Amino acid sequence: MKITPTTLQHEFIGLNAEVVRSLHSSYVGIKGKVLNETRNTLVILHNNKKTIIIKNMAVFHFTMPDGTVIEIDGKIIVGRPENRIKKRIRRRW
């Protein structure tokens, strides 16, 4: 799916996420439900454990409520979620 600015303004808490690429090799393959989001991290419930993933170091696949899967580079979504939702995002791709 093509990423649009409205996609980046979506709320990620509650969505299923998977780390597909990362500079930190142990992050790759972590998948589960997003429990919390801070400025620099995502907390994912993986194997009934909370795992903290640094956004800056990973590429994520998010499964949207309608079932579509989108790939988002974590560097694009770094920032407070409440500010990202309000902010007008210019295209970087």
N, C-alpha and C. Protein backbone atom coordinates (compact mmCIF):
# COMPACT_ATOMS: atom_id res chain seq x y z
N MET A 1 0.84 -1.18 0.00
CA MET A 1 0.00 0.00 0.00
C MET A 1 0.88 1.24 0.00
N LYS A 2 0.47 2.23 -0.74
CA LYS A 2 1.21 3.47 -0.79
C LYS A 2 0.98 4.26 0.51
N ILE A 3 2.06 4.76 1.07
CA ILE A 3 1.96 5.52 2.32
C ILE A 3 1.60 6.96 1.99
N THR A 4 0.57 7.47 2.66
CA THR A 4 0.14 8.84 2.49
C THR A 4 0.31 9.58 3.82
N PRO A 5 0.32 10.90 3.80
CA PRO A 5 0.42 11.63 5.07
C PRO A 5 -0.69 11.27 6.06
N THR A 6 -1.88 10.94 5.59
CA THR A 6 -2.95 10.56 6.52
C THR A 6 -2.66 9.21 7.16
N THR A 7 -1.94 8.36 6.46
CA THR A 7 -1.55 7.07 7.04
C THR A 7 -0.60 7.30 8.21
N LEU A 8 0.31 8.22 8.06
CA LEU A 8 1.27 8.50 9.12
C LEU A 8 0.63 9.18 10.31
N GLN A 9 -0.51 9.82 10.11
CA GLN A 9 -1.21 10.47 11.20
C GLN A 9 -2.14 9.52 11.94
N HIS A 10 -2.19 8.28 11.53
CA HIS A 10 -3.05 7.28 12.15
C HIS A 10 -2.53 6.92 13.54
N GLU A 11 -3.43 6.53 14.42
CA GLU A 11 -3.06 6.06 15.75
C GLU A 11 -2.55 4.63 15.65
N PHE A 12 -1.35 4.35 16.17
CA PHE A 12 -0.76 3.03 16.06
C PHE A 12 -1.04 2.13 17.25
N ILE A 13 -1.44 2.70 18.38
CA ILE A 13 -1.75 1.90 19.56
C ILE A 13 -2.97 1.03 19.25
N GLY A 14 -2.82 -0.27 19.50
CA GLY A 14 -3.89 -1.22 19.23
C GLY A 14 -3.73 -1.96 17.92
N LEU A 15 -2.86 -1.48 17.04
CA LEU A 15 -2.63 -2.16 15.77
C LEU A 15 -1.61 -3.29 15.96
N ASN A 16 -1.65 -4.26 15.06
CA ASN A 16 -0.63 -5.30 15.05
C ASN A 16 0.57 -4.78 14.28
N ALA A 17 1.76 -5.03 14.81
CA ALA A 17 2.99 -4.55 14.18
C ALA A 17 4.01 -5.67 14.13
N GLU A 18 4.88 -5.58 13.14
CA GLU A 18 5.99 -6.53 13.01
C GLU A 18 7.23 -5.75 12.60
N VAL A 19 8.35 -6.08 13.22
CA VAL A 19 9.63 -5.47 12.85
C VAL A 19 10.22 -6.32 11.73
N VAL A 20 10.36 -5.72 10.53
CA VAL A 20 10.87 -6.49 9.39
C VAL A 20 12.35 -6.24 9.11
N ARG A 21 12.85 -5.07 9.43
CA ARG A 21 14.27 -4.76 9.30
C ARG A 21 14.68 -3.88 10.47
N SER A 22 15.93 -4.05 10.89
CA SER A 22 16.40 -3.24 12.00
C SER A 22 17.92 -3.24 12.03
N LEU A 23 18.48 -2.15 12.55
CA LEU A 23 19.91 -2.09 12.78
C LEU A 23 20.30 -3.00 13.94
N HIS A 24 19.36 -3.25 14.83
CA HIS A 24 19.56 -4.13 15.97
C HIS A 24 18.99 -5.49 15.59
N SER A 25 19.84 -6.48 15.36
CA SER A 25 19.40 -7.75 14.77
C SER A 25 18.40 -8.52 15.63
N SER A 26 18.40 -8.33 16.92
CA SER A 26 17.45 -9.07 17.76
C SER A 26 16.03 -8.51 17.67
N TYR A 27 15.84 -7.33 17.11
CA TYR A 27 14.50 -6.76 16.93
C TYR A 27 13.75 -7.42 15.78
N VAL A 28 14.46 -7.92 14.78
CA VAL A 28 13.82 -8.46 13.58
C VAL A 28 12.97 -9.68 13.95
N GLY A 29 11.73 -9.68 13.47
CA GLY A 29 10.81 -10.78 13.72
C GLY A 29 9.88 -10.56 14.90
N ILE A 30 10.09 -9.52 15.67
CA ILE A 30 9.20 -9.24 16.79
C ILE A 30 7.87 -8.76 16.23
N LYS A 31 6.79 -9.41 16.65
CA LYS A 31 5.47 -8.98 16.19
C LYS A 31 4.46 -9.15 17.30
N GLY A 32 3.45 -8.31 17.25
CA GLY A 32 2.41 -8.33 18.25
C GLY A 32 1.62 -7.04 18.23
N LYS A 33 0.83 -6.84 19.26
CA LYS A 33 -0.02 -5.65 19.36
C LYS A 33 0.76 -4.50 19.99
N VAL A 34 0.58 -3.31 19.43
CA VAL A 34 1.23 -2.11 19.98
C VAL A 34 0.47 -1.68 21.23
N LEU A 35 1.17 -1.67 22.36
CA LEU A 35 0.54 -1.30 23.63
C LEU A 35 0.69 0.18 23.96
N ASN A 36 1.83 0.75 23.59
CA ASN A 36 2.09 2.14 23.93
C ASN A 36 3.07 2.72 22.92
N GLU A 37 3.02 4.03 22.79
CA GLU A 37 3.92 4.72 21.89
C GLU A 37 4.42 5.98 22.59
N THR A 38 5.73 6.16 22.59
CA THR A 38 6.33 7.37 23.12
C THR A 38 7.03 8.09 21.97
N ARG A 39 7.77 9.12 22.29
CA ARG A 39 8.43 9.89 21.24
C ARG A 39 9.40 9.04 20.43
N ASN A 40 10.16 8.19 21.08
CA ASN A 40 11.20 7.42 20.40
C ASN A 40 10.98 5.91 20.39
N THR A 41 9.95 5.42 21.05
CA THR A 41 9.80 3.97 21.15
C THR A 41 8.37 3.51 20.89
N LEU A 42 8.26 2.23 20.56
CA LEU A 42 6.98 1.52 20.52
C LEU A 42 7.08 0.37 21.50
N VAL A 43 6.03 0.14 22.29
CA VAL A 43 5.98 -1.00 23.19
C VAL A 43 5.05 -2.01 22.55
N ILE A 44 5.60 -3.20 22.24
CA ILE A 44 4.86 -4.25 21.55
C ILE A 44 4.73 -5.45 22.47
N LEU A 45 3.52 -6.03 22.54
CA LEU A 45 3.28 -7.24 23.32
C LEU A 45 3.68 -8.42 22.45
N HIS A 46 4.82 -9.04 22.76
CA HIS A 46 5.38 -10.14 21.98
C HIS A 46 5.57 -11.34 22.90
N ASN A 47 4.89 -12.45 22.62
CA ASN A 47 4.97 -13.65 23.46
C ASN A 47 4.64 -13.35 24.92
N ASN A 48 3.58 -12.56 25.13
CA ASN A 48 3.10 -12.16 26.45
C ASN A 48 4.14 -11.38 27.27
N LYS A 49 5.08 -10.74 26.58
CA LYS A 49 6.05 -9.87 27.24
C LYS A 49 6.05 -8.53 26.53
N LYS A 50 6.22 -7.46 27.30
CA LYS A 50 6.33 -6.13 26.71
C LYS A 50 7.74 -5.95 26.18
N THR A 51 7.84 -5.64 24.89
CA THR A 51 9.14 -5.42 24.26
C THR A 51 9.19 -3.99 23.76
N ILE A 52 10.25 -3.28 24.12
CA ILE A 52 10.42 -1.89 23.72
C ILE A 52 11.30 -1.85 22.48
N ILE A 53 10.78 -1.25 21.41
CA ILE A 53 11.50 -1.13 20.15
C ILE A 53 11.77 0.35 19.90
N ILE A 54 13.01 0.68 19.59
CA ILE A 54 13.36 2.05 19.26
C ILE A 54 12.94 2.32 17.82
N LYS A 55 12.09 3.32 17.60
CA LYS A 55 11.55 3.62 16.27
C LYS A 55 12.64 3.92 15.26
N ASN A 56 13.62 4.66 15.69
CA ASN A 56 14.68 5.15 14.83
C ASN A 56 15.48 4.03 14.16
N MET A 57 15.47 2.84 14.75
CA MET A 57 16.33 1.75 14.31
C MET A 57 15.60 0.67 13.52
N ALA A 58 14.30 0.83 13.27
CA ALA A 58 13.53 -0.29 12.71
C ALA A 58 12.60 0.15 11.58
N VAL A 59 12.22 -0.84 10.78
CA VAL A 59 11.18 -0.68 9.75
C VAL A 59 10.05 -1.62 10.16
N PHE A 60 8.83 -1.09 10.18
CA PHE A 60 7.68 -1.82 10.70
C PHE A 60 6.67 -2.14 9.61
N HIS A 61 5.96 -3.26 9.79
CA HIS A 61 4.75 -3.57 9.02
C HIS A 61 3.59 -3.43 10.00
N PHE A 62 2.69 -2.50 9.72
CA PHE A 62 1.50 -2.31 10.54
C PHE A 62 0.30 -2.88 9.79
N THR A 63 -0.54 -3.64 10.50
CA THR A 63 -1.78 -4.15 9.92
C THR A 63 -2.90 -3.22 10.33
N MET A 64 -3.48 -2.54 9.35
CA MET A 64 -4.54 -1.58 9.61
C MET A 64 -5.85 -2.32 9.94
N PRO A 65 -6.85 -1.61 10.51
CA PRO A 65 -8.11 -2.26 10.87
C PRO A 65 -8.83 -2.94 9.70
N ASP A 66 -8.63 -2.44 8.48
CA ASP A 66 -9.29 -3.07 7.33
C ASP A 66 -8.49 -4.24 6.77
N GLY A 67 -7.35 -4.57 7.38
CA GLY A 67 -6.57 -5.73 6.97
C GLY A 67 -5.39 -5.43 6.07
N THR A 68 -5.25 -4.21 5.59
CA THR A 68 -4.12 -3.88 4.73
C THR A 68 -2.85 -3.75 5.58
N VAL A 69 -1.74 -4.14 4.99
CA VAL A 69 -0.45 -4.07 5.67
C VAL A 69 0.37 -2.97 5.03
N ILE A 70 0.88 -2.07 5.86
CA ILE A 70 1.70 -0.98 5.34
C ILE A 70 3.09 -1.05 5.97
N GLU A 71 4.09 -0.67 5.21
CA GLU A 71 5.46 -0.64 5.70
C GLU A 71 5.86 0.80 5.97
N ILE A 72 6.32 1.04 7.19
CA ILE A 72 6.70 2.40 7.59
C ILE A 72 8.07 2.36 8.22
N ASP A 73 8.95 3.22 7.74
CA ASP A 73 10.27 3.38 8.35
C ASP A 73 10.09 4.14 9.66
N GLY A 74 10.67 3.63 10.72
CA GLY A 74 10.52 4.24 12.03
C GLY A 74 11.02 5.66 12.12
N LYS A 75 11.98 6.01 11.26
CA LYS A 75 12.53 7.38 11.28
C LYS A 75 11.46 8.40 10.92
N ILE A 76 10.47 8.01 10.13
CA ILE A 76 9.41 8.92 9.72
C ILE A 76 8.44 9.21 10.87
N ILE A 77 8.24 8.24 11.75
CA ILE A 77 7.24 8.40 12.81
C ILE A 77 7.84 8.79 14.16
N VAL A 78 9.13 9.13 14.19
CA VAL A 78 9.74 9.58 15.45
C VAL A 78 9.09 10.91 15.84
N GLY A 79 8.68 10.99 17.06
CA GLY A 79 8.02 12.18 17.58
C GLY A 79 6.87 11.79 18.47
N ARG A 80 6.41 12.70 19.25
CA ARG A 80 5.28 12.42 20.13
C ARG A 80 4.04 12.10 19.30
N PRO A 81 3.32 11.05 19.67
CA PRO A 81 2.15 10.67 18.87
C PRO A 81 1.09 11.76 18.80
N GLU A 82 0.89 12.48 19.88
CA GLU A 82 -0.14 13.53 19.86
C GLU A 82 0.24 14.67 18.94
N ASN A 83 1.53 14.94 18.79
CA ASN A 83 1.98 15.98 17.86
C ASN A 83 1.97 15.48 16.42
N ARG A 84 2.32 14.20 16.22
CA ARG A 84 2.34 13.64 14.88
C ARG A 84 0.92 13.61 14.27
N ILE A 85 -0.06 13.36 15.08
CA ILE A 85 -1.44 13.30 14.60
C ILE A 85 -1.92 14.67 14.16
N LYS A 86 -1.50 15.73 14.86
CA LYS A 86 -1.93 17.09 14.53
C LYS A 86 -1.11 17.72 13.41
N LYS A 87 0.15 17.30 13.30
CA LYS A 87 1.10 17.96 12.40
C LYS A 87 0.80 17.65 10.93
N ARG A 88 1.01 18.65 10.11
CA ARG A 88 0.91 18.46 8.66
C ARG A 88 2.24 17.89 8.19
N ILE A 89 2.21 16.72 7.60
CA ILE A 89 3.42 16.02 7.20
C ILE A 89 3.67 16.22 5.72
N ARG A 90 4.87 16.67 5.39
CA ARG A 90 5.18 16.81 3.97
C ARG A 90 5.82 15.52 3.51
N ARG A 91 5.66 15.24 2.25
CA ARG A 91 6.15 13.97 1.70
C ARG A 91 7.66 13.93 1.69
N ARG A 92 8.20 12.78 2.11
CA ARG A 92 9.64 12.55 2.12
C ARG A 92 10.01 11.42 1.19
N TRP A 93 9.11 11.01 0.32
CA TRP A 93 9.39 9.88 -0.57
C TRP A 93 8.94 10.16 -1.96
